[in-house]
Amino acid sequence: MIKKLMILAAIALTLTACGNKNNTNTEKEGDNADNNTETAAPKWKTYTNEKHGFSMEVPAGLTQRETMLPEDGTIFSDDGAEGITFNRIDITGHKSIFDEEYTPEKVREEFEDWTGPLSEDIDAKECGDNYFTYSIKGNMVNELHKHMYKGTEMVAVVIIYEPDNEDKLGGAVAEHVFNSIKFK
């Protein structure tokens, strides 16, 4: 697990640097993320990635961090700090190699490539024709992953949070984020 945290930290450090010009955000009121709480309905902002043709909603209270390759993705975190931070949403878009369409078979192959090496650490996983999800629950940090595919494009969303922040980024909030992913 420590090795995986070090890899995640390296990815986070790699992504934090330049400006983010090709992506836009708009804020709007969202559904109540947890109907059992007495808090007000969370506000959502829409992240749009023009290069890879997708959009999604993230909690408005998160700060968008600047990344080295802003056209490919971004990071939203709870503190906006530079460097390593947990409690964040990492969003990355990719185009398939050689412009090949993502078929259900290719999605299943990607699913096996991503989850196979992690099989002992995975808490839950699911694979459909155009997506897959998996989660890793740890003592220090939880990870929720969703990869979605359309045509030659793919979006990978990773929600990382400390167990104490389950109500802010896990459960119904994560479900809303994942269900809001839309391709053009």
N, C-alpha and C. Protein backbone atom coordinates (compact mmCIF):
# COMPACT_ATOMS: atom_id res chain seq x y z
N MET A 1 0.82 -1.19 0.00
CA MET A 1 0.00 0.00 0.00
C MET A 1 0.87 1.25 0.00
N ILE A 2 1.97 1.25 0.74
CA ILE A 2 2.87 2.41 0.78
C ILE A 2 3.44 2.66 -0.61
N LYS A 3 3.75 1.58 -1.33
CA LYS A 3 4.29 1.72 -2.69
C LYS A 3 3.26 2.41 -3.59
N LYS A 4 1.98 2.03 -3.45
CA LYS A 4 0.92 2.65 -4.26
C LYS A 4 0.75 4.12 -3.89
N LEU A 5 0.83 4.44 -2.60
CA LEU A 5 0.72 5.83 -2.17
C LEU A 5 1.86 6.66 -2.74
N MET A 6 3.07 6.07 -2.79
CA MET A 6 4.21 6.79 -3.37
C MET A 6 3.98 7.03 -4.86
N ILE A 7 3.39 6.05 -5.57
CA ILE A 7 3.10 6.22 -6.98
C ILE A 7 2.06 7.32 -7.17
N LEU A 8 1.00 7.30 -6.35
CA LEU A 8 -0.02 8.35 -6.43
C LEU A 8 0.58 9.72 -6.15
N ALA A 9 1.48 9.79 -5.17
CA ALA A 9 2.13 11.06 -4.85
C ALA A 9 2.96 11.55 -6.03
N ALA A 10 3.66 10.64 -6.69
CA ALA A 10 4.46 11.01 -7.86
C ALA A 10 3.58 11.53 -8.98
N ILE A 11 2.42 10.88 -9.19
CA ILE A 11 1.49 11.34 -10.23
C ILE A 11 0.98 12.73 -9.89
N ALA A 12 0.62 12.94 -8.61
CA ALA A 12 0.12 14.26 -8.19
C ALA A 12 1.17 15.34 -8.39
N LEU A 13 2.41 15.05 -8.06
CA LEU A 13 3.48 16.03 -8.25
C LEU A 13 3.70 16.31 -9.72
N THR A 14 3.59 15.30 -10.56
CA THR A 14 3.77 15.47 -12.00
C THR A 14 2.69 16.35 -12.59
N LEU A 15 1.46 16.23 -12.07
CA LEU A 15 0.34 16.97 -12.63
C LEU A 15 0.25 18.42 -12.16
N THR A 16 0.97 18.80 -11.11
CA THR A 16 0.85 20.16 -10.58
C THR A 16 1.94 21.05 -11.16
N ALA A 17 1.55 22.02 -12.03
CA ALA A 17 2.55 22.95 -12.54
C ALA A 17 1.96 24.12 -13.30
N CYS A 18 1.50 23.93 -14.56
CA CYS A 18 1.14 25.04 -15.45
C CYS A 18 -0.31 25.48 -15.32
N GLY A 19 -0.78 26.28 -16.29
CA GLY A 19 -2.15 26.78 -16.30
C GLY A 19 -3.12 25.78 -16.89
N ASN A 20 -4.42 26.10 -16.79
CA ASN A 20 -5.47 25.23 -17.31
C ASN A 20 -6.40 26.07 -18.17
N LYS A 21 -6.12 26.12 -19.48
CA LYS A 21 -6.83 27.03 -20.37
C LYS A 21 -7.96 26.38 -21.15
N ASN A 22 -7.92 25.08 -21.39
CA ASN A 22 -8.91 24.44 -22.24
C ASN A 22 -10.10 23.88 -21.49
N ASN A 23 -10.18 24.05 -20.21
CA ASN A 23 -11.24 23.48 -19.42
C ASN A 23 -12.02 24.58 -18.73
N THR A 24 -13.34 24.36 -18.59
CA THR A 24 -14.18 25.38 -17.99
C THR A 24 -14.95 24.81 -16.83
N ASN A 25 -15.37 25.68 -15.93
CA ASN A 25 -16.17 25.28 -14.79
C ASN A 25 -17.34 26.23 -14.66
N THR A 26 -18.51 25.68 -14.32
CA THR A 26 -19.65 26.50 -13.98
C THR A 26 -20.26 25.90 -12.73
N GLU A 27 -20.79 26.75 -11.85
CA GLU A 27 -21.37 26.25 -10.61
C GLU A 27 -22.87 26.19 -10.74
N LYS A 28 -23.47 25.17 -10.07
CA LYS A 28 -24.92 25.06 -10.01
C LYS A 28 -25.30 24.31 -8.76
N GLU A 29 -26.55 24.45 -8.36
CA GLU A 29 -27.06 23.70 -7.21
C GLU A 29 -27.20 22.26 -7.65
N GLY A 30 -26.89 21.33 -6.75
CA GLY A 30 -27.03 19.91 -7.06
C GLY A 30 -28.02 19.25 -6.13
N ASP A 31 -28.24 17.97 -6.38
CA ASP A 31 -29.09 17.18 -5.50
C ASP A 31 -28.41 17.02 -4.15
N ASN A 32 -29.17 16.80 -3.12
CA ASN A 32 -28.59 16.56 -1.81
C ASN A 32 -27.80 15.26 -1.86
N ALA A 33 -26.52 15.31 -1.57
CA ALA A 33 -25.64 14.15 -1.67
C ALA A 33 -25.98 13.10 -0.63
N ASP A 34 -26.55 13.49 0.48
CA ASP A 34 -26.88 12.54 1.54
C ASP A 34 -28.16 13.00 2.20
N ASN A 35 -29.25 12.35 1.87
CA ASN A 35 -30.55 12.77 2.38
C ASN A 35 -30.70 12.56 3.88
N ASN A 36 -29.77 11.85 4.50
CA ASN A 36 -29.86 11.61 5.93
C ASN A 36 -29.13 12.67 6.75
N THR A 37 -28.56 13.66 6.13
CA THR A 37 -27.86 14.70 6.87
C THR A 37 -28.71 15.95 6.92
N GLU A 38 -28.36 16.84 7.82
CA GLU A 38 -29.09 18.09 7.94
C GLU A 38 -28.36 19.23 7.26
N THR A 39 -27.39 18.91 6.41
CA THR A 39 -26.65 19.96 5.71
C THR A 39 -27.42 20.38 4.46
N ALA A 40 -27.11 21.56 3.97
CA ALA A 40 -27.74 22.05 2.75
C ALA A 40 -27.26 21.22 1.56
N ALA A 41 -28.05 21.21 0.52
CA ALA A 41 -27.67 20.47 -0.69
C ALA A 41 -26.34 21.01 -1.21
N PRO A 42 -25.42 20.11 -1.56
CA PRO A 42 -24.13 20.60 -2.04
C PRO A 42 -24.29 21.30 -3.39
N LYS A 43 -23.41 22.21 -3.64
CA LYS A 43 -23.37 22.86 -4.94
C LYS A 43 -22.36 22.11 -5.78
N TRP A 44 -22.61 22.08 -7.05
CA TRP A 44 -21.74 21.37 -7.99
C TRP A 44 -21.22 22.35 -9.01
N LYS A 45 -20.04 22.09 -9.53
CA LYS A 45 -19.54 22.86 -10.66
C LYS A 45 -19.21 21.85 -11.75
N THR A 46 -19.38 22.30 -12.98
CA THR A 46 -19.15 21.43 -14.12
C THR A 46 -17.75 21.63 -14.66
N TYR A 47 -17.02 20.54 -14.77
CA TYR A 47 -15.70 20.54 -15.40
C TYR A 47 -15.89 20.03 -16.82
N THR A 48 -15.39 20.76 -17.80
CA THR A 48 -15.50 20.37 -19.20
C THR A 48 -14.12 20.25 -19.79
N ASN A 49 -13.88 19.15 -20.46
CA ASN A 49 -12.61 18.92 -21.15
C ASN A 49 -12.90 18.91 -22.64
N GLU A 50 -12.54 20.01 -23.31
CA GLU A 50 -12.81 20.17 -24.74
C GLU A 50 -11.99 19.21 -25.60
N LYS A 51 -10.74 18.99 -25.24
CA LYS A 51 -9.85 18.15 -26.04
C LYS A 51 -10.39 16.72 -26.16
N HIS A 52 -10.87 16.16 -25.05
CA HIS A 52 -11.33 14.78 -25.05
C HIS A 52 -12.85 14.65 -25.07
N GLY A 53 -13.56 15.79 -25.11
CA GLY A 53 -15.00 15.80 -25.33
C GLY A 53 -15.85 15.22 -24.22
N PHE A 54 -15.55 15.57 -22.97
CA PHE A 54 -16.38 15.09 -21.87
C PHE A 54 -16.57 16.20 -20.85
N SER A 55 -17.59 16.02 -20.02
CA SER A 55 -17.83 16.92 -18.89
C SER A 55 -18.32 16.09 -17.72
N MET A 56 -18.26 16.69 -16.54
CA MET A 56 -18.71 16.03 -15.32
C MET A 56 -18.87 17.06 -14.23
N GLU A 57 -19.58 16.68 -13.17
CA GLU A 57 -19.78 17.58 -12.04
C GLU A 57 -18.89 17.15 -10.87
N VAL A 58 -18.35 18.15 -10.19
CA VAL A 58 -17.55 17.93 -8.98
C VAL A 58 -18.09 18.88 -7.90
N PRO A 59 -17.88 18.56 -6.63
CA PRO A 59 -18.35 19.47 -5.58
C PRO A 59 -17.75 20.87 -5.74
N ALA A 60 -18.60 21.88 -5.65
CA ALA A 60 -18.16 23.26 -5.85
C ALA A 60 -17.13 23.70 -4.81
N GLY A 61 -17.11 23.07 -3.65
CA GLY A 61 -16.17 23.44 -2.59
C GLY A 61 -14.74 23.03 -2.85
N LEU A 62 -14.50 22.22 -3.88
CA LEU A 62 -13.13 21.81 -4.20
C LEU A 62 -12.46 22.86 -5.07
N THR A 63 -11.16 23.01 -4.92
CA THR A 63 -10.38 23.97 -5.69
C THR A 63 -9.69 23.27 -6.84
N GLN A 64 -9.83 23.85 -8.03
CA GLN A 64 -9.14 23.28 -9.19
C GLN A 64 -7.66 23.67 -9.12
N ARG A 65 -6.82 22.66 -9.22
CA ARG A 65 -5.38 22.88 -9.19
C ARG A 65 -4.86 22.95 -10.62
N GLU A 66 -3.78 23.64 -10.78
CA GLU A 66 -3.19 23.75 -12.11
C GLU A 66 -2.36 22.51 -12.40
N THR A 67 -2.32 22.11 -13.66
CA THR A 67 -1.64 20.88 -14.05
C THR A 67 -0.68 21.13 -15.20
N MET A 68 0.26 20.22 -15.39
CA MET A 68 1.24 20.35 -16.47
C MET A 68 0.59 20.20 -17.84
N LEU A 69 -0.35 19.29 -17.98
CA LEU A 69 -1.01 19.05 -19.25
C LEU A 69 -2.50 19.38 -19.11
N PRO A 70 -2.84 20.66 -19.05
CA PRO A 70 -4.21 21.04 -18.73
C PRO A 70 -5.23 20.55 -19.75
N GLU A 71 -4.83 20.34 -20.99
CA GLU A 71 -5.79 19.87 -21.98
C GLU A 71 -6.18 18.41 -21.75
N ASP A 72 -5.39 17.67 -20.99
CA ASP A 72 -5.68 16.27 -20.74
C ASP A 72 -6.44 16.05 -19.43
N GLY A 73 -6.34 16.94 -18.47
CA GLY A 73 -7.06 16.74 -17.22
C GLY A 73 -6.69 17.74 -16.16
N THR A 74 -7.15 17.46 -14.95
CA THR A 74 -6.93 18.38 -13.84
C THR A 74 -7.11 17.64 -12.51
N ILE A 75 -6.88 18.36 -11.45
CA ILE A 75 -7.09 17.84 -10.09
C ILE A 75 -7.93 18.86 -9.34
N PHE A 76 -8.95 18.38 -8.64
CA PHE A 76 -9.72 19.21 -7.73
C PHE A 76 -9.41 18.70 -6.32
N SER A 77 -9.04 19.60 -5.40
CA SER A 77 -8.72 19.16 -4.04
C SER A 77 -9.46 20.02 -3.01
N ASP A 78 -9.45 19.54 -1.78
CA ASP A 78 -10.18 20.25 -0.73
C ASP A 78 -9.41 21.42 -0.16
N ASP A 79 -8.13 21.56 -0.52
CA ASP A 79 -7.36 22.65 0.06
C ASP A 79 -6.66 23.54 -0.96
N GLY A 80 -6.59 23.11 -2.21
CA GLY A 80 -5.95 23.91 -3.23
C GLY A 80 -4.45 24.03 -3.11
N ALA A 81 -3.86 23.32 -2.16
CA ALA A 81 -2.42 23.42 -1.93
C ALA A 81 -1.63 22.76 -3.05
N GLU A 82 -0.45 23.24 -3.27
CA GLU A 82 0.47 22.61 -4.22
C GLU A 82 1.13 21.43 -3.54
N GLY A 83 1.62 20.51 -4.32
CA GLY A 83 2.29 19.33 -3.77
C GLY A 83 1.31 18.21 -3.50
N ILE A 84 1.67 17.33 -2.62
CA ILE A 84 0.86 16.15 -2.34
C ILE A 84 -0.30 16.53 -1.44
N THR A 85 -1.50 16.14 -1.84
CA THR A 85 -2.68 16.33 -1.00
C THR A 85 -3.62 15.15 -1.21
N PHE A 86 -4.22 14.70 -0.13
CA PHE A 86 -5.25 13.69 -0.25
C PHE A 86 -6.57 14.43 -0.26
N ASN A 87 -7.68 13.73 -0.37
CA ASN A 87 -8.99 14.35 -0.47
C ASN A 87 -9.08 15.15 -1.77
N ARG A 88 -9.07 14.42 -2.86
CA ARG A 88 -9.04 15.08 -4.16
C ARG A 88 -9.71 14.22 -5.22
N ILE A 89 -9.97 14.84 -6.36
CA ILE A 89 -10.49 14.15 -7.53
C ILE A 89 -9.52 14.40 -8.67
N ASP A 90 -8.94 13.34 -9.20
CA ASP A 90 -8.03 13.43 -10.35
C ASP A 90 -8.81 13.05 -11.60
N ILE A 91 -8.74 13.89 -12.62
CA ILE A 91 -9.49 13.66 -13.86
C ILE A 91 -8.49 13.70 -15.02
N THR A 92 -8.50 12.66 -15.85
CA THR A 92 -7.58 12.60 -16.97
C THR A 92 -8.31 12.06 -18.19
N GLY A 93 -8.11 12.69 -19.34
CA GLY A 93 -8.64 12.18 -20.60
C GLY A 93 -7.51 11.62 -21.45
N HIS A 94 -7.84 10.63 -22.25
CA HIS A 94 -6.86 10.01 -23.15
C HIS A 94 -7.53 9.65 -24.46
N LYS A 95 -6.73 9.58 -25.49
CA LYS A 95 -7.17 9.07 -26.78
C LYS A 95 -6.55 7.70 -26.95
N SER A 96 -7.29 6.77 -27.57
CA SER A 96 -6.76 5.42 -27.74
C SER A 96 -5.55 5.43 -28.68
N ILE A 97 -4.69 4.46 -28.47
CA ILE A 97 -3.49 4.33 -29.31
C ILE A 97 -3.94 3.95 -30.72
N PHE A 98 -3.36 4.55 -31.71
CA PHE A 98 -3.65 4.29 -33.13
C PHE A 98 -5.09 4.60 -33.51
N ASP A 99 -5.78 5.47 -32.74
CA ASP A 99 -7.16 5.86 -33.03
C ASP A 99 -8.12 4.69 -33.15
N GLU A 100 -7.89 3.64 -32.37
CA GLU A 100 -8.78 2.48 -32.39
C GLU A 100 -9.99 2.75 -31.51
N GLU A 101 -11.17 2.34 -31.98
CA GLU A 101 -12.40 2.48 -31.20
C GLU A 101 -12.33 1.56 -29.97
N TYR A 102 -12.90 2.05 -28.88
CA TYR A 102 -13.01 1.22 -27.68
C TYR A 102 -14.25 0.34 -27.80
N THR A 103 -14.06 -0.93 -28.06
CA THR A 103 -15.14 -1.91 -28.12
C THR A 103 -15.33 -2.50 -26.73
N PRO A 104 -16.45 -3.21 -26.50
CA PRO A 104 -16.59 -3.87 -25.20
C PRO A 104 -15.43 -4.82 -24.89
N GLU A 105 -14.89 -5.47 -25.91
CA GLU A 105 -13.76 -6.37 -25.69
C GLU A 105 -12.51 -5.59 -25.27
N LYS A 106 -12.29 -4.44 -25.93
CA LYS A 106 -11.13 -3.62 -25.58
C LYS A 106 -11.28 -3.03 -24.17
N VAL A 107 -12.51 -2.65 -23.80
CA VAL A 107 -12.76 -2.14 -22.45
C VAL A 107 -12.47 -3.25 -21.43
N ARG A 108 -12.92 -4.47 -21.70
CA ARG A 108 -12.66 -5.61 -20.80
C ARG A 108 -11.16 -5.84 -20.67
N GLU A 109 -10.41 -5.73 -21.78
CA GLU A 109 -8.95 -5.90 -21.75
C GLU A 109 -8.30 -4.82 -20.88
N GLU A 110 -8.74 -3.56 -21.03
CA GLU A 110 -8.23 -2.46 -20.21
C GLU A 110 -8.53 -2.73 -18.72
N PHE A 111 -9.74 -3.20 -18.46
CA PHE A 111 -10.16 -3.53 -17.10
C PHE A 111 -9.22 -4.56 -16.48
N GLU A 112 -8.92 -5.60 -17.21
CA GLU A 112 -8.02 -6.65 -16.71
C GLU A 112 -6.61 -6.10 -16.50
N ASP A 113 -6.15 -5.25 -17.44
CA ASP A 113 -4.81 -4.65 -17.31
C ASP A 113 -4.71 -3.78 -16.07
N TRP A 114 -5.76 -3.00 -15.77
CA TRP A 114 -5.74 -2.09 -14.64
C TRP A 114 -5.92 -2.82 -13.31
N THR A 115 -6.84 -3.77 -13.27
CA THR A 115 -7.20 -4.38 -11.99
C THR A 115 -6.41 -5.64 -11.67
N GLY A 116 -5.89 -6.32 -12.67
CA GLY A 116 -5.15 -7.56 -12.44
C GLY A 116 -4.02 -7.44 -11.43
N PRO A 117 -3.09 -6.50 -11.62
CA PRO A 117 -1.97 -6.37 -10.68
C PRO A 117 -2.39 -5.93 -9.26
N LEU A 118 -3.59 -5.36 -9.14
CA LEU A 118 -4.05 -4.86 -7.85
C LEU A 118 -5.03 -5.80 -7.17
N SER A 119 -5.24 -6.98 -7.72
CA SER A 119 -6.35 -7.85 -7.30
C SER A 119 -6.43 -8.06 -5.79
N GLU A 120 -5.31 -8.17 -5.10
CA GLU A 120 -5.36 -8.41 -3.66
C GLU A 120 -5.78 -7.18 -2.86
N ASP A 121 -5.65 -5.99 -3.45
CA ASP A 121 -6.00 -4.76 -2.75
C ASP A 121 -7.40 -4.23 -3.10
N ILE A 122 -8.02 -4.77 -4.14
CA ILE A 122 -9.29 -4.25 -4.62
C ILE A 122 -10.43 -4.70 -3.71
N ASP A 123 -11.23 -3.71 -3.30
CA ASP A 123 -12.39 -3.96 -2.43
C ASP A 123 -13.60 -4.38 -3.27
N ALA A 124 -13.82 -3.72 -4.39
CA ALA A 124 -14.96 -4.01 -5.27
C ALA A 124 -14.59 -3.60 -6.68
N LYS A 125 -15.16 -4.30 -7.68
CA LYS A 125 -14.91 -3.93 -9.07
C LYS A 125 -16.09 -4.34 -9.94
N GLU A 126 -16.23 -3.63 -11.06
CA GLU A 126 -17.33 -3.89 -12.00
C GLU A 126 -16.87 -3.46 -13.38
N CYS A 127 -17.28 -4.20 -14.40
CA CYS A 127 -16.93 -3.86 -15.78
C CYS A 127 -18.17 -3.96 -16.66
N GLY A 128 -18.43 -2.90 -17.42
CA GLY A 128 -19.53 -2.88 -18.39
C GLY A 128 -18.97 -2.75 -19.79
N ASP A 129 -19.84 -2.52 -20.77
CA ASP A 129 -19.40 -2.41 -22.16
C ASP A 129 -18.57 -1.17 -22.44
N ASN A 130 -18.85 -0.07 -21.70
CA ASN A 130 -18.14 1.19 -21.98
C ASN A 130 -17.55 1.83 -20.72
N TYR A 131 -17.38 1.06 -19.66
CA TYR A 131 -16.83 1.60 -18.42
C TYR A 131 -16.31 0.47 -17.55
N PHE A 132 -15.50 0.84 -16.55
CA PHE A 132 -15.23 -0.05 -15.43
C PHE A 132 -14.95 0.77 -14.20
N THR A 133 -15.21 0.17 -13.05
CA THR A 133 -14.96 0.82 -11.77
C THR A 133 -14.25 -0.15 -10.85
N TYR A 134 -13.50 0.39 -9.93
CA TYR A 134 -12.95 -0.42 -8.84
C TYR A 134 -12.60 0.50 -7.68
N SER A 135 -12.55 -0.09 -6.49
CA SER A 135 -12.22 0.69 -5.30
C SER A 135 -11.19 -0.04 -4.47
N ILE A 136 -10.39 0.76 -3.78
CA ILE A 136 -9.37 0.26 -2.87
C ILE A 136 -9.59 0.98 -1.54
N LYS A 137 -9.86 0.22 -0.50
CA LYS A 137 -10.06 0.80 0.83
C LYS A 137 -8.82 0.53 1.66
N GLY A 138 -8.23 1.58 2.19
CA GLY A 138 -7.01 1.44 2.98
C GLY A 138 -7.17 2.02 4.38
N ASN A 139 -6.16 1.87 5.16
CA ASN A 139 -6.17 2.45 6.51
C ASN A 139 -6.01 3.96 6.47
N MET A 140 -5.17 4.44 5.54
CA MET A 140 -4.88 5.87 5.47
C MET A 140 -5.67 6.60 4.38
N VAL A 141 -5.99 5.89 3.29
CA VAL A 141 -6.65 6.54 2.17
C VAL A 141 -7.50 5.52 1.41
N ASN A 142 -8.63 5.99 0.88
CA ASN A 142 -9.50 5.18 0.03
C ASN A 142 -9.42 5.74 -1.39
N GLU A 143 -9.55 4.86 -2.38
CA GLU A 143 -9.52 5.27 -3.78
C GLU A 143 -10.74 4.69 -4.48
N LEU A 144 -11.43 5.51 -5.25
CA LEU A 144 -12.54 5.08 -6.08
C LEU A 144 -12.19 5.44 -7.52
N HIS A 145 -12.21 4.47 -8.42
CA HIS A 145 -11.80 4.67 -9.81
C HIS A 145 -12.96 4.41 -10.76
N LYS A 146 -13.11 5.26 -11.77
CA LYS A 146 -14.04 4.99 -12.86
C LYS A 146 -13.37 5.40 -14.16
N HIS A 147 -13.39 4.48 -15.12
CA HIS A 147 -12.90 4.76 -16.47
C HIS A 147 -14.10 4.60 -17.39
N MET A 148 -14.33 5.61 -18.25
CA MET A 148 -15.43 5.56 -19.22
C MET A 148 -14.86 5.74 -20.62
N TYR A 149 -15.49 5.08 -21.59
CA TYR A 149 -15.00 5.08 -22.96
C TYR A 149 -16.12 5.43 -23.94
N LYS A 150 -15.76 6.18 -24.99
CA LYS A 150 -16.68 6.44 -26.09
C LYS A 150 -15.85 6.65 -27.34
N GLY A 151 -16.10 5.85 -28.35
CA GLY A 151 -15.34 5.96 -29.58
C GLY A 151 -13.87 5.71 -29.32
N THR A 152 -13.05 6.74 -29.59
CA THR A 152 -11.61 6.63 -29.36
C THR A 152 -11.16 7.35 -28.09
N GLU A 153 -12.13 7.90 -27.34
CA GLU A 153 -11.80 8.69 -26.15
C GLU A 153 -12.07 7.93 -24.85
N MET A 154 -11.29 8.28 -23.82
CA MET A 154 -11.44 7.68 -22.50
C MET A 154 -11.24 8.75 -21.45
N VAL A 155 -12.00 8.65 -20.36
CA VAL A 155 -11.79 9.51 -19.21
C VAL A 155 -11.59 8.62 -17.99
N ALA A 156 -10.57 8.96 -17.20
CA ALA A 156 -10.30 8.25 -15.95
C ALA A 156 -10.50 9.24 -14.81
N VAL A 157 -11.34 8.86 -13.84
CA VAL A 157 -11.60 9.69 -12.68
C VAL A 157 -11.21 8.88 -11.44
N VAL A 158 -10.36 9.47 -10.61
CA VAL A 158 -9.96 8.81 -9.37
C VAL A 158 -10.29 9.76 -8.22
N ILE A 159 -11.12 9.26 -7.31
CA ILE A 159 -11.46 10.03 -6.11
C ILE A 159 -10.65 9.42 -4.96
N ILE A 160 -9.84 10.26 -4.34
CA ILE A 160 -8.95 9.81 -3.27
C ILE A 160 -9.31 10.60 -2.02
N TYR A 161 -9.53 9.88 -0.93
CA TYR A 161 -9.88 10.59 0.31
C TYR A 161 -9.48 9.77 1.52
N GLU A 162 -9.21 10.50 2.59
CA GLU A 162 -8.93 9.88 3.88
C GLU A 162 -10.25 9.36 4.43
N PRO A 163 -10.25 8.22 5.14
CA PRO A 163 -11.51 7.66 5.64
C PRO A 163 -12.38 8.64 6.42
N ASP A 164 -11.78 9.60 7.10
CA ASP A 164 -12.56 10.59 7.84
C ASP A 164 -13.37 11.51 6.91
N ASN A 165 -13.04 11.53 5.63
CA ASN A 165 -13.73 12.41 4.68
C ASN A 165 -14.69 11.64 3.77
N GLU A 166 -15.15 10.49 4.22
CA GLU A 166 -16.10 9.67 3.47
C GLU A 166 -17.33 10.49 3.08
N ASP A 167 -17.85 11.30 4.00
CA ASP A 167 -19.06 12.08 3.72
C ASP A 167 -18.83 13.19 2.70
N LYS A 168 -17.60 13.64 2.53
CA LYS A 168 -17.30 14.73 1.59
C LYS A 168 -16.99 14.23 0.18
N LEU A 169 -16.37 13.05 0.05
CA LEU A 169 -15.96 12.58 -1.27
C LEU A 169 -16.38 11.14 -1.58
N GLY A 170 -16.80 10.38 -0.60
CA GLY A 170 -17.19 9.00 -0.84
C GLY A 170 -18.69 8.88 -1.00
N GLY A 171 -19.19 7.66 -0.91
CA GLY A 171 -20.63 7.40 -0.92
C GLY A 171 -21.40 8.08 -2.02
N ALA A 172 -22.46 8.79 -1.63
CA ALA A 172 -23.37 9.44 -2.58
C ALA A 172 -22.67 10.54 -3.39
N VAL A 173 -21.68 11.20 -2.80
CA VAL A 173 -20.96 12.26 -3.53
C VAL A 173 -20.18 11.63 -4.69
N ALA A 174 -19.44 10.56 -4.40
CA ALA A 174 -18.68 9.88 -5.46
C ALA A 174 -19.62 9.33 -6.52
N GLU A 175 -20.73 8.77 -6.09
CA GLU A 175 -21.71 8.24 -7.04
C GLU A 175 -22.22 9.35 -7.97
N HIS A 176 -22.51 10.52 -7.40
CA HIS A 176 -22.97 11.66 -8.22
C HIS A 176 -21.89 12.06 -9.22
N VAL A 177 -20.65 12.18 -8.76
CA VAL A 177 -19.53 12.56 -9.66
C VAL A 177 -19.45 11.55 -10.79
N PHE A 178 -19.39 10.27 -10.47
CA PHE A 178 -19.25 9.23 -11.50
C PHE A 178 -20.44 9.20 -12.46
N ASN A 179 -21.65 9.34 -11.94
CA ASN A 179 -22.85 9.31 -12.79
C ASN A 179 -23.01 10.56 -13.66
N SER A 180 -22.30 11.62 -13.31
CA SER A 180 -22.42 12.87 -14.09
C SER A 180 -21.50 12.91 -15.31
N ILE A 181 -20.61 11.94 -15.47
CA ILE A 181 -19.68 11.93 -16.60
C ILE A 181 -20.47 11.79 -17.91
N LYS A 182 -20.25 12.72 -18.83
CA LYS A 182 -20.95 12.72 -20.11
C LYS A 182 -19.95 13.02 -21.23
N PHE A 183 -20.06 12.26 -22.32
CA PHE A 183 -19.31 12.57 -23.53
C PHE A 183 -20.18 13.34 -24.48
N LYS A 184 -19.56 14.16 -25.32
CA LYS A 184 -20.32 14.92 -26.34
C LYS A 184 -20.89 13.98 -27.36
